[in-house]
Amino acid sequence: MPHFPLFGPAVVRKPALAPDDALVQDRWTDFDDEMIRLDAIVIDNNIGGSDPTLQVRACDGVNWTIELATRSRNLKAGLTESQALPGDPVSVVGRRTAHFGENRIKATHVTIGEKTFDLSPDRAA
């Protein structure tokens, strides 16, 4: 007859993901409510990728990952890969991740040079 423990790590059986986690596309719950601004220099871009991001370095030398909108929303705002080249100055307005030690911002507005891209007007505060 098999023995089933009543306590301990073998008893805790929780799903790895909640059923609705796979359905959520905009993970705004991972980010603070307060809007912040970051001035930096582009070091790499992945605007055309499946999860569009910019890699930037702030003036204090800290590297940040900037999460952009979806590809279709970026195109609608006019943001393409050729507009954010390494070395370009960038100003980002968005919400910082709520995870400790993570340098990540979900952008609502991005300014590259003199051109501002409004990525999430419905999320702006």
PDB file of N, CA and C in Angstrom:
ATOM      1  N   MET A   1       0.842  -1.175   0.000  1.00  0.00           N
ATOM      2  CA  MET A   1       0.000   0.000   0.000  1.00  0.00           C
ATOM      3  C   MET A   1       0.890   1.241   0.000  1.00  0.00           C
ATOM      4  N   PRO A   2       0.679   2.201  -0.942  1.00  0.00           N
ATOM      5  CA  PRO A   2       1.522   3.394  -1.006  1.00  0.00           C
ATOM      6  C   PRO A   2       1.289   4.313   0.185  1.00  0.00           C
ATOM      7  N   HIS A   3       2.341   4.997   0.553  1.00  0.00           N
ATOM      8  CA  HIS A   3       2.290   5.933   1.677  1.00  0.00           C
ATOM      9  C   HIS A   3       2.252   7.356   1.120  1.00  0.00           C
ATOM     10  N   PHE A   4       1.227   8.139   1.486  1.00  0.00           N
ATOM     11  CA  PHE A   4       1.110   9.530   1.068  1.00  0.00           C
ATOM     12  C   PHE A   4       1.328  10.420   2.277  1.00  0.00           C
ATOM     13  N   PRO A   5       2.365  11.271   2.268  1.00  0.00           N
ATOM     14  CA  PRO A   5       2.641  12.117   3.422  1.00  0.00           C
ATOM     15  C   PRO A   5       1.540  13.157   3.620  1.00  0.00           C
ATOM     16  N   LEU A   6       1.310  13.512   4.877  1.00  0.00           N
ATOM     17  CA  LEU A   6       0.305  14.509   5.214  1.00  0.00           C
ATOM     18  C   LEU A   6       0.895  15.911   5.290  1.00  0.00           C
ATOM     19  N   PHE A   7       2.207  16.015   5.343  1.00  0.00           N
ATOM     20  CA  PHE A   7       2.859  17.321   5.418  1.00  0.00           C
ATOM     21  C   PHE A   7       4.192  17.236   4.690  1.00  0.00           C
ATOM     22  N   GLY A   8       4.828  18.394   4.484  1.00  0.00           N
ATOM     23  CA  GLY A   8       6.126  18.427   3.812  1.00  0.00           C
ATOM     24  C   GLY A   8       6.002  18.871   2.365  1.00  0.00           C
ATOM     25  N   PRO A   9       7.130  18.918   1.683  1.00  0.00           N
ATOM     26  CA  PRO A   9       7.135  19.437   0.311  1.00  0.00           C
ATOM     27  C   PRO A   9       6.344  18.586  -0.673  1.00  0.00           C
ATOM     28  N   ALA A  10       6.167  17.321  -0.398  1.00  0.00           N
ATOM     29  CA  ALA A  10       5.433  16.459  -1.321  1.00  0.00           C
ATOM     30  C   ALA A  10       3.941  16.766  -1.320  1.00  0.00           C
ATOM     31  N   VAL A  11       3.434  17.388  -0.251  1.00  0.00           N
ATOM     32  CA  VAL A  11       2.008  17.665  -0.144  1.00  0.00           C
ATOM     33  C   VAL A  11       1.628  18.940  -0.891  1.00  0.00           C
ATOM     34  N   VAL A  12       2.532  19.906  -0.945  1.00  0.00           N
ATOM     35  CA  VAL A  12       2.225  21.193  -1.565  1.00  0.00           C
ATOM     36  C   VAL A  12       2.216  21.024  -3.076  1.00  0.00           C
ATOM     37  N   ARG A  13       1.033  20.991  -3.628  1.00  0.00           N
ATOM     38  CA  ARG A  13       0.889  20.822  -5.073  1.00  0.00           C
ATOM     39  C   ARG A  13       0.095  22.002  -5.618  1.00  0.00           C
ATOM     40  N   LYS A  14       0.826  22.985  -6.127  1.00  0.00           N
ATOM     41  CA  LYS A  14       0.191  24.164  -6.704  1.00  0.00           C
ATOM     42  C   LYS A  14       0.590  24.247  -8.170  1.00  0.00           C
ATOM     43  N   PRO A  15      -0.291  24.751  -9.000  1.00  0.00           N
ATOM     44  CA  PRO A  15       0.093  24.915 -10.404  1.00  0.00           C
ATOM     45  C   PRO A  15       1.193  25.963 -10.530  1.00  0.00           C
ATOM     46  N   ALA A  16       2.076  25.768 -11.487  1.00  0.00           N
ATOM     47  CA  ALA A  16       3.176  26.715 -11.691  1.00  0.00           C
ATOM     48  C   ALA A  16       2.652  28.077 -12.121  1.00  0.00           C
ATOM     49  N   LEU A  17       1.603  28.100 -12.899  1.00  0.00           N
ATOM     50  CA  LEU A  17       1.001  29.344 -13.354  1.00  0.00           C
ATOM     51  C   LEU A  17      -0.495  29.300 -13.094  1.00  0.00           C
ATOM     52  N   ALA A  18      -1.048  30.438 -12.751  1.00  0.00           N
ATOM     53  CA  ALA A  18      -2.495  30.511 -12.634  1.00  0.00           C
ATOM     54  C   ALA A  18      -3.086  30.337 -14.031  1.00  0.00           C
ATOM     55  N   PRO A  19      -4.306  29.825 -14.137  1.00  0.00           N
ATOM     56  CA  PRO A  19      -4.876  29.544 -15.452  1.00  0.00           C
ATOM     57  C   PRO A  19      -4.935  30.760 -16.374  1.00  0.00           C
ATOM     58  N   ASP A  20      -5.104  31.954 -15.807  1.00  0.00           N
ATOM     59  CA  ASP A  20      -5.241  33.126 -16.663  1.00  0.00           C
ATOM     60  C   ASP A  20      -3.914  33.810 -16.977  1.00  0.00           C
ATOM     61  N   ASP A  21      -2.798  33.363 -16.408  1.00  0.00           N
ATOM     62  CA  ASP A  21      -1.506  33.991 -16.664  1.00  0.00           C
ATOM     63  C   ASP A  21      -1.126  33.945 -18.135  1.00  0.00           C
ATOM     64  N   ALA A  22      -1.440  32.874 -18.806  1.00  0.00           N
ATOM     65  CA  ALA A  22      -1.070  32.745 -20.214  1.00  0.00           C
ATOM     66  C   ALA A  22      -1.895  33.673 -21.099  1.00  0.00           C
ATOM     67  N   LEU A  23      -3.045  34.102 -20.619  1.00  0.00           N
ATOM     68  CA  LEU A  23      -3.918  34.953 -21.415  1.00  0.00           C
ATOM     69  C   LEU A  23      -3.588  36.432 -21.281  1.00  0.00           C
ATOM     70  N   VAL A  24      -2.873  36.809 -20.254  1.00  0.00           N
ATOM     71  CA  VAL A  24      -2.572  38.214 -20.005  1.00  0.00           C
ATOM     72  C   VAL A  24      -1.433  38.655 -20.912  1.00  0.00           C
ATOM     73  N   GLN A  25      -1.670  39.708 -21.716  1.00  0.00           N
ATOM     74  CA  GLN A  25      -0.624  40.199 -22.604  1.00  0.00           C
ATOM     75  C   GLN A  25       0.100  41.385 -21.997  1.00  0.00           C
ATOM     76  N   ASP A  26      -0.620  42.347 -21.461  1.00  0.00           N
ATOM     77  CA  ASP A  26       0.006  43.500 -20.830  1.00  0.00           C
ATOM     78  C   ASP A  26       0.148  43.217 -19.347  1.00  0.00           C
ATOM     79  N   ARG A  27       1.380  43.069 -18.893  1.00  0.00           N
ATOM     80  CA  ARG A  27       1.643  42.714 -17.504  1.00  0.00           C
ATOM     81  C   ARG A  27       1.867  43.971 -16.666  1.00  0.00           C
ATOM     82  N   TRP A  28       0.900  44.891 -16.671  1.00  0.00           N
ATOM     83  CA  TRP A  28       1.039  46.137 -15.923  1.00  0.00           C
ATOM     84  C   TRP A  28       1.057  45.884 -14.425  1.00  0.00           C
ATOM     85  N   THR A  29       0.554  44.751 -13.961  1.00  0.00           N
ATOM     86  CA  THR A  29       0.563  44.477 -12.528  1.00  0.00           C
ATOM     87  C   THR A  29       1.976  44.279 -12.003  1.00  0.00           C
ATOM     88  N   ASP A  30       2.931  43.997 -12.877  1.00  0.00           N
ATOM     89  CA  ASP A  30       4.328  43.838 -12.469  1.00  0.00           C
ATOM     90  C   ASP A  30       5.028  45.174 -12.253  1.00  0.00           C
ATOM     91  N   PHE A  31       4.334  46.280 -12.533  1.00  0.00           N
ATOM     92  CA  PHE A  31       4.969  47.587 -12.511  1.00  0.00           C
ATOM     93  C   PHE A  31       4.313  48.505 -11.490  1.00  0.00           C
ATOM     94  N   ASP A  32       5.129  49.432 -10.937  1.00  0.00           N
ATOM     95  CA  ASP A  32       4.635  50.421  -9.981  1.00  0.00           C
ATOM     96  C   ASP A  32       3.621  51.336 -10.651  1.00  0.00           C
ATOM     97  N   ASP A  33       2.769  51.963  -9.828  1.00  0.00           N
ATOM     98  CA  ASP A  33       1.791  52.911 -10.351  1.00  0.00           C
ATOM     99  C   ASP A  33       2.426  54.255 -10.692  1.00  0.00           C
ATOM    100  N   GLU A  34       3.514  54.585 -10.021  1.00  0.00           N
ATOM    101  CA  GLU A  34       4.160  55.882 -10.202  1.00  0.00           C
ATOM    102  C   GLU A  34       4.947  55.931 -11.511  1.00  0.00           C
ATOM    103  N   MET A  35       4.755  57.025 -12.246  1.00  0.00           N
ATOM    104  CA  MET A  35       5.489  57.232 -13.494  1.00  0.00           C
ATOM    105  C   MET A  35       6.870  57.805 -13.178  1.00  0.00           C
ATOM    106  N   ILE A  36       7.886  57.323 -13.894  1.00  0.00           N
ATOM    107  CA  ILE A  36       9.234  57.863 -13.734  1.00  0.00           C
ATOM    108  C   ILE A  36       9.771  58.263 -15.102  1.00  0.00           C
ATOM    109  N   ARG A  37      10.833  59.060 -15.073  1.00  0.00           N
ATOM    110  CA  ARG A  37      11.494  59.478 -16.312  1.00  0.00           C
ATOM    111  C   ARG A  37      12.953  59.064 -16.226  1.00  0.00           C
ATOM    112  N   LEU A  38      13.471  58.530 -17.318  1.00  0.00           N
ATOM    113  CA  LEU A  38      14.866  58.106 -17.387  1.00  0.00           C
ATOM    114  C   LEU A  38      15.488  58.685 -18.649  1.00  0.00           C
ATOM    115  N   ASP A  39      16.604  59.402 -18.478  1.00  0.00           N
ATOM    116  CA  ASP A  39      17.383  59.900 -19.608  1.00  0.00           C
ATOM    117  C   ASP A  39      18.590  58.993 -19.756  1.00  0.00           C
ATOM    118  N   ALA A  40      18.828  58.513 -20.970  1.00  0.00           N
ATOM    119  CA  ALA A  40      19.876  57.515 -21.174  1.00  0.00           C
ATOM    120  C   ALA A  40      20.368  57.554 -22.616  1.00  0.00           C
ATOM    121  N   ILE A  41      21.252  56.604 -22.924  1.00  0.00           N
ATOM    122  CA  ILE A  41      21.797  56.413 -24.265  1.00  0.00           C
ATOM    123  C   ILE A  41      21.437  54.994 -24.715  1.00  0.00           C
ATOM    124  N   VAL A  42      20.959  54.854 -25.940  1.00  0.00           N
ATOM    125  CA  VAL A  42      20.620  53.533 -26.488  1.00  0.00           C
ATOM    126  C   VAL A  42      21.906  52.736 -26.674  1.00  0.00           C
ATOM    127  N   ILE A  43      21.925  51.494 -26.162  1.00  0.00           N
ATOM    128  CA  ILE A  43      23.069  50.611 -26.405  1.00  0.00           C
ATOM    129  C   ILE A  43      22.694  49.438 -27.310  1.00  0.00           C
ATOM    130  N   ASP A  44      21.396  49.112 -27.388  1.00  0.00           N
ATOM    131  CA  ASP A  44      20.933  48.051 -28.288  1.00  0.00           C
ATOM    132  C   ASP A  44      19.430  48.189 -28.446  1.00  0.00           C
ATOM    133  N   ASN A  45      18.906  47.734 -29.575  1.00  0.00           N
ATOM    134  CA  ASN A  45      17.457  47.762 -29.727  1.00  0.00           C
ATOM    135  C   ASN A  45      16.946  46.458 -30.309  1.00  0.00           C
ATOM    136  N   ASN A  46      15.745  46.127 -29.894  1.00  0.00           N
ATOM    137  CA  ASN A  46      15.050  44.945 -30.383  1.00  0.00           C
ATOM    138  C   ASN A  46      13.600  45.345 -30.656  1.00  0.00           C
ATOM    139  N   ILE A  47      13.441  46.461 -31.351  1.00  0.00           N
ATOM    140  CA  ILE A  47      12.105  46.993 -31.605  1.00  0.00           C
ATOM    141  C   ILE A  47      11.315  46.076 -32.529  1.00  0.00           C
ATOM    142  N   GLY A  48      11.977  45.404 -33.439  1.00  0.00           N
ATOM    143  CA  GLY A  48      11.292  44.527 -34.381  1.00  0.00           C
ATOM    144  C   GLY A  48      11.062  43.121 -33.874  1.00  0.00           C
ATOM    145  N   GLY A  49      11.489  42.814 -32.660  1.00  0.00           N
ATOM    146  CA  GLY A  49      11.345  41.467 -32.116  1.00  0.00           C
ATOM    147  C   GLY A  49       9.943  41.169 -31.621  1.00  0.00           C
ATOM    148  N   SER A  50       9.738  39.946 -31.160  1.00  0.00           N
ATOM    149  CA  SER A  50       8.417  39.554 -30.664  1.00  0.00           C
ATOM    150  C   SER A  50       8.072  40.252 -29.352  1.00  0.00           C
ATOM    151  N   ASP A  51       9.069  40.577 -28.540  1.00  0.00           N
ATOM    152  CA  ASP A  51       8.889  41.370 -27.321  1.00  0.00           C
ATOM    153  C   ASP A  51       9.773  42.603 -27.458  1.00  0.00           C
ATOM    154  N   PRO A  52       9.253  43.677 -28.074  1.00  0.00           N
ATOM    155  CA  PRO A  52      10.083  44.844 -28.370  1.00  0.00           C
ATOM    156  C   PRO A  52      10.684  45.488 -27.118  1.00  0.00           C
ATOM    157  N   THR A  53      11.999  45.688 -27.154  1.00  0.00           N
ATOM    158  CA  THR A  53      12.707  46.315 -26.036  1.00  0.00           C
ATOM    159  C   THR A  53      13.813  47.221 -26.553  1.00  0.00           C
ATOM    160  N   LEU A  54      14.232  48.123 -25.681  1.00  0.00           N
ATOM    161  CA  LEU A  54      15.440  48.915 -25.878  1.00  0.00           C
ATOM    162  C   LEU A  54      16.355  48.617 -24.707  1.00  0.00           C
ATOM    163  N   GLN A  55      17.630  48.485 -24.964  1.00  0.00           N
ATOM    164  CA  GLN A  55      18.629  48.389 -23.905  1.00  0.00           C
ATOM    165  C   GLN A  55      19.298  49.756 -23.856  1.00  0.00           C
ATOM    166  N   VAL A  56      19.290  50.381 -22.682  1.00  0.00           N
ATOM    167  CA  VAL A  56      19.850  51.722 -22.552  1.00  0.00           C
ATOM    168  C   VAL A  56      20.798  51.776 -21.359  1.00  0.00           C
ATOM    169  N   ARG A  57      21.677  52.783 -21.374  1.00  0.00           N
ATOM    170  CA  ARG A  57      22.586  53.012 -20.250  1.00  0.00           C
ATOM    171  C   ARG A  57      22.347  54.428 -19.746  1.00  0.00           C
ATOM    172  N   ALA A  58      21.989  54.535 -18.462  1.00  0.00           N
ATOM    173  CA  ALA A  58      21.751  55.839 -17.838  1.00  0.00           C
ATOM    174  C   ALA A  58      23.078  56.552 -17.621  1.00  0.00           C
ATOM    175  N   CYS A  59      23.012  57.853 -17.312  1.00  0.00           N
ATOM    176  CA  CYS A  59      24.241  58.637 -17.135  1.00  0.00           C
ATOM    177  C   CYS A  59      25.059  58.163 -15.934  1.00  0.00           C
ATOM    178  N   ASP A  60      24.446  57.433 -14.996  1.00  0.00           N
ATOM    179  CA  ASP A  60      25.197  56.895 -13.854  1.00  0.00           C
ATOM    180  C   ASP A  60      25.844  55.546 -14.168  1.00  0.00           C
ATOM    181  N   GLY A  61      25.714  55.077 -15.421  1.00  0.00           N
ATOM    182  CA  GLY A  61      26.348  53.835 -15.848  1.00  0.00           C
ATOM    183  C   GLY A  61      25.503  52.590 -15.678  1.00  0.00           C
ATOM    184  N   VAL A  62      24.290  52.728 -15.161  1.00  0.00           N
ATOM    185  CA  VAL A  62      23.413  51.577 -14.930  1.00  0.00           C
ATOM    186  C   VAL A  62      22.665  51.240 -16.222  1.00  0.00           C
ATOM    187  N   ASN A  63      22.658  49.963 -16.582  1.00  0.00           N
ATOM    188  CA  ASN A  63      21.932  49.492 -17.764  1.00  0.00           C
ATOM    189  C   ASN A  63      20.475  49.222 -17.400  1.00  0.00           C
ATOM    190  N   TRP A  64      19.576  49.576 -18.313  1.00  0.00           N
ATOM    191  CA  TRP A  64      18.141  49.396 -18.127  1.00  0.00           C
ATOM    192  C   TRP A  64      17.556  48.687 -19.340  1.00  0.00           C
ATOM    193  N   THR A  65      16.512  47.907 -19.108  1.00  0.00           N
ATOM    194  CA  THR A  65      15.717  47.327 -20.186  1.00  0.00           C
ATOM    195  C   THR A  65      14.417  48.110 -20.253  1.00  0.00           C
ATOM    196  N   ILE A  66      14.119  48.635 -21.425  1.00  0.00           N
ATOM    197  CA  ILE A  66      12.889  49.389 -21.635  1.00  0.00           C
ATOM    198  C   ILE A  66      11.939  48.519 -22.441  1.00  0.00           C
ATOM    199  N   GLU A  67      10.833  48.135 -21.825  1.00  0.00           N
ATOM    200  CA  GLU A  67       9.815  47.354 -22.530  1.00  0.00           C
ATOM    201  C   GLU A  67       8.929  48.318 -23.296  1.00  0.00           C
ATOM    202  N   LEU A  68       8.825  48.088 -24.587  1.00  0.00           N
ATOM    203  CA  LEU A  68       8.011  48.937 -25.444  1.00  0.00           C
ATOM    204  C   LEU A  68       6.632  48.309 -25.623  1.00  0.00           C
ATOM    205  N   ALA A  69       5.808  48.956 -26.421  1.00  0.00           N
ATOM    206  CA  ALA A  69       4.484  48.416 -26.718  1.00  0.00           C
ATOM    207  C   ALA A  69       4.625  47.262 -27.716  1.00  0.00           C
ATOM    208  N   THR A  70       3.508  46.716 -28.128  1.00  0.00           N
ATOM    209  CA  THR A  70       3.532  45.652 -29.135  1.00  0.00           C
ATOM    210  C   THR A  70       4.052  46.215 -30.456  1.00  0.00           C
ATOM    211  N   ARG A  71       4.486  45.333 -31.336  1.00  0.00           N
ATOM    212  CA  ARG A  71       5.019  45.797 -32.626  1.00  0.00           C
ATOM    213  C   ARG A  71       4.009  46.649 -33.382  1.00  0.00           C
ATOM    214  N   SER A  72       2.749  46.227 -33.388  1.00  0.00           N
ATOM    215  CA  SER A  72       1.734  46.990 -34.129  1.00  0.00           C
ATOM    216  C   SER A  72       1.518  48.369 -33.510  1.00  0.00           C
ATOM    217  N   ARG A  73       1.534  48.444 -32.199  1.00  0.00           N
ATOM    218  CA  ARG A  73       1.358  49.741 -31.535  1.00  0.00           C
ATOM    219  C   ARG A  73       2.578  50.633 -31.752  1.00  0.00           C
ATOM    220  N   ASN A  74       3.776  50.035 -31.750  1.00  0.00           N
ATOM    221  CA  ASN A  74       4.987  50.811 -32.036  1.00  0.00           C
ATOM    222  C   ASN A  74       4.928  51.391 -33.447  1.00  0.00           C
ATOM    223  N   LEU A  75       4.523  50.571 -34.420  1.00  0.00           N
ATOM    224  CA  LEU A  75       4.415  51.047 -35.800  1.00  0.00           C
ATOM    225  C   LEU A  75       3.365  52.145 -35.923  1.00  0.00           C
ATOM    226  N   LYS A  76       2.257  51.981 -35.216  1.00  0.00           N
ATOM    227  CA  LYS A  76       1.204  53.003 -35.238  1.00  0.00           C
ATOM    228  C   LYS A  76       1.723  54.326 -34.677  1.00  0.00           C
ATOM    229  N   ALA A  77       2.592  54.252 -33.662  1.00  0.00           N
ATOM    230  CA  ALA A  77       3.186  55.462 -33.076  1.00  0.00           C
ATOM    231  C   ALA A  77       4.323  56.002 -33.939  1.00  0.00           C
ATOM    232  N   GLY A  78       4.784  55.208 -34.910  1.00  0.00           N
ATOM    233  CA  GLY A  78       5.865  55.636 -35.791  1.00  0.00           C
ATOM    234  C   GLY A  78       7.246  55.192 -35.357  1.00  0.00           C
ATOM    235  N   LEU A  79       7.330  54.325 -34.366  1.00  0.00           N
ATOM    236  CA  LEU A  79       8.623  53.876 -33.840  1.00  0.00           C
ATOM    237  C   LEU A  79       9.098  52.631 -34.584  1.00  0.00           C
ATOM    238  N   THR A  80      10.258  52.751 -35.235  1.00  0.00           N
ATOM    239  CA  THR A  80      10.860  51.626 -35.949  1.00  0.00           C
ATOM    240  C   THR A  80      12.294  51.437 -35.465  1.00  0.00           C
ATOM    241  N   GLU A  81      12.898  50.314 -35.838  1.00  0.00           N
ATOM    242  CA  GLU A  81      14.268  50.013 -35.403  1.00  0.00           C
ATOM    243  C   GLU A  81      15.266  51.069 -35.843  1.00  0.00           C
ATOM    244  N   SER A  82      15.054  51.657 -37.007  1.00  0.00           N
ATOM    245  CA  SER A  82      16.021  52.625 -37.533  1.00  0.00           C
ATOM    246  C   SER A  82      16.006  53.955 -36.783  1.00  0.00           C
ATOM    247  N   GLN A  83      15.019  54.162 -35.922  1.00  0.00           N
ATOM    248  CA  GLN A  83      14.937  55.428 -35.198  1.00  0.00           C
ATOM    249  C   GLN A  83      15.624  55.387 -33.841  1.00  0.00           C
ATOM    250  N   ALA A  84      16.068  54.243 -33.392  1.00  0.00           N
ATOM    251  CA  ALA A  84      16.755  54.122 -32.102  1.00  0.00           C
ATOM    252  C   ALA A  84      18.051  53.364 -32.318  1.00  0.00           C
ATOM    253  N   LEU A  85      19.067  54.077 -32.737  1.00  0.00           N
ATOM    254  CA  LEU A  85      20.354  53.450 -33.017  1.00  0.00           C
ATOM    255  C   LEU A  85      21.278  53.563 -31.811  1.00  0.00           C
ATOM    256  N   PRO A  86      22.188  52.605 -31.632  1.00  0.00           N
ATOM    257  CA  PRO A  86      23.138  52.693 -30.520  1.00  0.00           C
ATOM    258  C   PRO A  86      23.866  54.041 -30.534  1.00  0.00           C
ATOM    259  N   GLY A  87      23.900  54.665 -29.355  1.00  0.00           N
ATOM    260  CA  GLY A  87      24.518  55.977 -29.203  1.00  0.00           C
ATOM    261  C   GLY A  87      23.522  57.121 -29.196  1.00  0.00           C
ATOM    262  N   ASP A  88      22.275  56.867 -29.614  1.00  0.00           N
ATOM    263  CA  ASP A  88      21.261  57.919 -29.626  1.00  0.00           C
ATOM    264  C   ASP A  88      20.800  58.242 -28.207  1.00  0.00           C
ATOM    265  N   PRO A  89      20.618  59.531 -27.896  1.00  0.00           N
ATOM    266  CA  PRO A  89      20.052  59.890 -26.593  1.00  0.00           C
ATOM    267  C   PRO A  89      18.561  59.562 -26.581  1.00  0.00           C
ATOM    268  N   VAL A  90      18.082  59.069 -25.459  1.00  0.00           N
ATOM    269  CA  VAL A  90      16.677  58.689 -25.335  1.00  0.00           C
ATOM    270  C   VAL A  90      16.161  59.123 -23.969  1.00  0.00           C
ATOM    271  N   SER A  91      14.913  59.540 -23.944  1.00  0.00           N
ATOM    272  CA  SER A  91      14.233  59.872 -22.699  1.00  0.00           C
ATOM    273  C   SER A  91      12.988  58.998 -22.629  1.00  0.00           C
ATOM    274  N   VAL A  92      12.843  58.279 -21.542  1.00  0.00           N
ATOM    275  CA  VAL A  92      11.744  57.323 -21.394  1.00  0.00           C
ATOM    276  C   VAL A  92      10.868  57.742 -20.224  1.00  0.00           C
ATOM    277  N   VAL A  93       9.560  57.750 -20.439  1.00  0.00           N
ATOM    278  CA  VAL A  93       8.596  57.953 -19.364  1.00  0.00           C
ATOM    279  C   VAL A  93       7.795  56.668 -19.276  1.00  0.00           C
ATOM    280  N   GLY A  94       7.704  56.120 -18.068  1.00  0.00           N
ATOM    281  CA  GLY A  94       6.975  54.872 -17.901  1.00  0.00           C
ATOM    282  C   GLY A  94       6.930  54.441 -16.455  1.00  0.00           C
ATOM    283  N   ARG A  95       6.646  53.183 -16.263  1.00  0.00           N
ATOM    284  CA  ARG A  95       6.494  52.621 -14.916  1.00  0.00           C
ATOM    285  C   ARG A  95       7.582  51.592 -14.669  1.00  0.00           C
ATOM    286  N   ARG A  96       8.262  51.767 -13.541  1.00  0.00           N
ATOM    287  CA  ARG A  96       9.357  50.872 -13.177  1.00  0.00           C
ATOM    288  C   ARG A  96       8.806  49.564 -12.624  1.00  0.00           C
ATOM    289  N   THR A  97       9.543  48.497 -12.857  1.00  0.00           N
ATOM    290  CA  THR A  97       9.130  47.198 -12.344  1.00  0.00           C
ATOM    291  C   THR A  97       9.072  47.219 -10.821  1.00  0.00           C
ATOM    292  N   ALA A  98       8.155  46.452 -10.279  1.00  0.00           N
ATOM    293  CA  ALA A  98       8.011  46.366  -8.831  1.00  0.00           C
ATOM    294  C   ALA A  98       8.942  45.313  -8.240  1.00  0.00           C
ATOM    295  N   HIS A  99       9.671  44.594  -9.067  1.00  0.00           N
ATOM    296  CA  HIS A  99      10.574  43.546  -8.604  1.00  0.00           C
ATOM    297  C   HIS A  99      11.893  44.153  -8.146  1.00  0.00           C
ATOM    298  N   PHE A 100      12.300  43.854  -6.931  1.00  0.00           N
ATOM    299  CA  PHE A 100      13.511  44.415  -6.343  1.00  0.00           C
ATOM    300  C   PHE A 100      14.744  44.043  -7.159  1.00  0.00           C
ATOM    301  N   GLY A 101      15.594  45.026  -7.407  1.00  0.00           N
ATOM    302  CA  GLY A 101      16.859  44.783  -8.082  1.00  0.00           C
ATOM    303  C   GLY A 101      16.782  44.695  -9.590  1.00  0.00           C
ATOM    304  N   GLU A 102      15.597  44.838 -10.151  1.00  0.00           N
ATOM    305  CA  GLU A 102      15.437  44.731 -11.595  1.00  0.00           C
ATOM    306  C   GLU A 102      15.369  46.132 -12.199  1.00  0.00           C
ATOM    307  N   ASN A 103      16.191  46.410 -13.182  1.00  0.00           N
ATOM    308  CA  ASN A 103      16.204  47.710 -13.851  1.00  0.00           C
ATOM    309  C   ASN A 103      15.418  47.605 -15.147  1.00  0.00           C
ATOM    310  N   ARG A 104      14.106  47.704 -15.009  1.00  0.00           N
ATOM    311  CA  ARG A 104      13.212  47.516 -16.148  1.00  0.00           C
ATOM    312  C   ARG A 104      12.081  48.532 -16.057  1.00  0.00           C
ATOM    313  N   ILE A 105      11.748  49.141 -17.186  1.00  0.00           N
ATOM    314  CA  ILE A 105      10.667  50.122 -17.259  1.00  0.00           C
ATOM    315  C   ILE A 105       9.731  49.727 -18.398  1.00  0.00           C
ATOM    316  N   LYS A 106       8.433  49.797 -18.139  1.00  0.00           N
ATOM    317  CA  LYS A 106       7.416  49.624 -19.187  1.00  0.00           C
ATOM    318  C   LYS A 106       7.105  51.025 -19.699  1.00  0.00           C
ATOM    319  N   ALA A 107       7.512  51.323 -20.923  1.00  0.00           N
ATOM    320  CA  ALA A 107       7.430  52.680 -21.462  1.00  0.00           C
ATOM    321  C   ALA A 107       6.019  53.045 -21.900  1.00  0.00           C
ATOM    322  N   THR A 108       5.628  54.281 -21.597  1.00  0.00           N
ATOM    323  CA  THR A 108       4.402  54.853 -22.143  1.00  0.00           C
ATOM    324  C   THR A 108       4.734  55.912 -23.186  1.00  0.00           C
ATOM    325  N   HIS A 109       5.868  56.609 -22.993  1.00  0.00           N
ATOM    326  CA  HIS A 109       6.352  57.617 -23.943  1.00  0.00           C
ATOM    327  C   HIS A 109       7.858  57.460 -24.092  1.00  0.00           C
ATOM    328  N   VAL A 110       8.339  57.547 -25.315  1.00  0.00           N
ATOM    329  CA  VAL A 110       9.770  57.485 -25.591  1.00  0.00           C
ATOM    330  C   VAL A 110      10.110  58.674 -26.482  1.00  0.00           C
ATOM    331  N   THR A 111      11.159  59.412 -26.102  1.00  0.00           N
ATOM    332  CA  THR A 111      11.637  60.515 -26.929  1.00  0.00           C
ATOM    333  C   THR A 111      13.051  60.186 -27.376  1.00  0.00           C
ATOM    334  N   ILE A 112      13.242  60.139 -28.681  1.00  0.00           N
ATOM    335  CA  ILE A 112      14.560  59.880 -29.262  1.00  0.00           C
ATOM    336  C   ILE A 112      14.912  61.121 -30.071  1.00  0.00           C
ATOM    337  N   GLY A 113      15.957  61.817 -29.648  1.00  0.00           N
ATOM    338  CA  GLY A 113      16.277  63.098 -30.268  1.00  0.00           C
ATOM    339  C   GLY A 113      15.158  64.084 -29.963  1.00  0.00           C
ATOM    340  N   GLU A 114      14.530  64.611 -30.996  1.00  0.00           N
ATOM    341  CA  GLU A 114      13.424  65.563 -30.834  1.00  0.00           C
ATOM    342  C   GLU A 114      12.063  64.922 -31.084  1.00  0.00           C
ATOM    343  N   LYS A 115      12.032  63.643 -31.401  1.00  0.00           N
ATOM    344  CA  LYS A 115      10.786  62.966 -31.767  1.00  0.00           C
ATOM    345  C   LYS A 115      10.247  62.160 -30.590  1.00  0.00           C
ATOM    346  N   THR A 116       8.988  62.425 -30.225  1.00  0.00           N
ATOM    347  CA  THR A 116       8.334  61.709 -29.127  1.00  0.00           C
ATOM    348  C   THR A 116       7.356  60.684 -29.692  1.00  0.00           C
ATOM    349  N   PHE A 117       7.405  59.484 -29.127  1.00  0.00           N
ATOM    350  CA  PHE A 117       6.524  58.394 -29.532  1.00  0.00           C
ATOM    351  C   PHE A 117       5.598  58.078 -28.367  1.00  0.00           C
ATOM    352  N   ASP A 118       4.298  58.223 -28.583  1.00  0.00           N
ATOM    353  CA  ASP A 118       3.286  57.979 -27.559  1.00  0.00           C
ATOM    354  C   ASP A 118       2.832  56.526 -27.696  1.00  0.00           C
ATOM    355  N   LEU A 119       3.414  55.634 -26.882  1.00  0.00           N
ATOM    356  CA  LEU A 119       3.187  54.193 -27.043  1.00  0.00           C
ATOM    357  C   LEU A 119       1.932  53.689 -26.357  1.00  0.00           C
ATOM    358  N   SER A 120       1.587  54.267 -25.227  1.00  0.00           N
ATOM    359  CA  SER A 120       0.431  53.798 -24.461  1.00  0.00           C
ATOM    360  C   SER A 120      -0.339  54.992 -23.913  1.00  0.00           C
ATOM    361  N   PRO A 121      -1.051  55.723 -24.760  1.00  0.00           N
ATOM    362  CA  PRO A 121      -1.748  56.917 -24.279  1.00  0.00           C
ATOM    363  C   PRO A 121      -2.819  56.607 -23.242  1.00  0.00           C
ATOM    364  N   ASP A 122      -3.396  55.406 -23.302  1.00  0.00           N
ATOM    365  CA  ASP A 122      -4.426  55.025 -22.336  1.00  0.00           C
ATOM    366  C   ASP A 122      -3.850  54.724 -20.956  1.00  0.00           C
ATOM    367  N   ARG A 123      -2.540  54.499 -20.835  1.00  0.00           N
ATOM    368  CA  ARG A 123      -1.893  54.198 -19.560  1.00  0.00           C
ATOM    369  C   ARG A 123      -1.204  55.409 -18.944  1.00  0.00           C
ATOM    370  N   ALA A 124      -1.134  56.499 -19.659  1.00  0.00           N
ATOM    371  CA  ALA A 124      -0.437  57.686 -19.144  1.00  0.00           C
ATOM    372  C   ALA A 124      -1.193  58.254 -17.956  1.00  0.00           C
ATOM    373  N   ALA A 125      -0.419  58.745 -16.992  1.00  0.00           N
ATOM    374  CA  ALA A 125      -1.036  59.321 -15.792  1.00  0.00           C
ATOM    375  C   ALA A 125      -0.965  60.822 -15.846  1.00  0.00           C
TER     376      ALA A 125
END
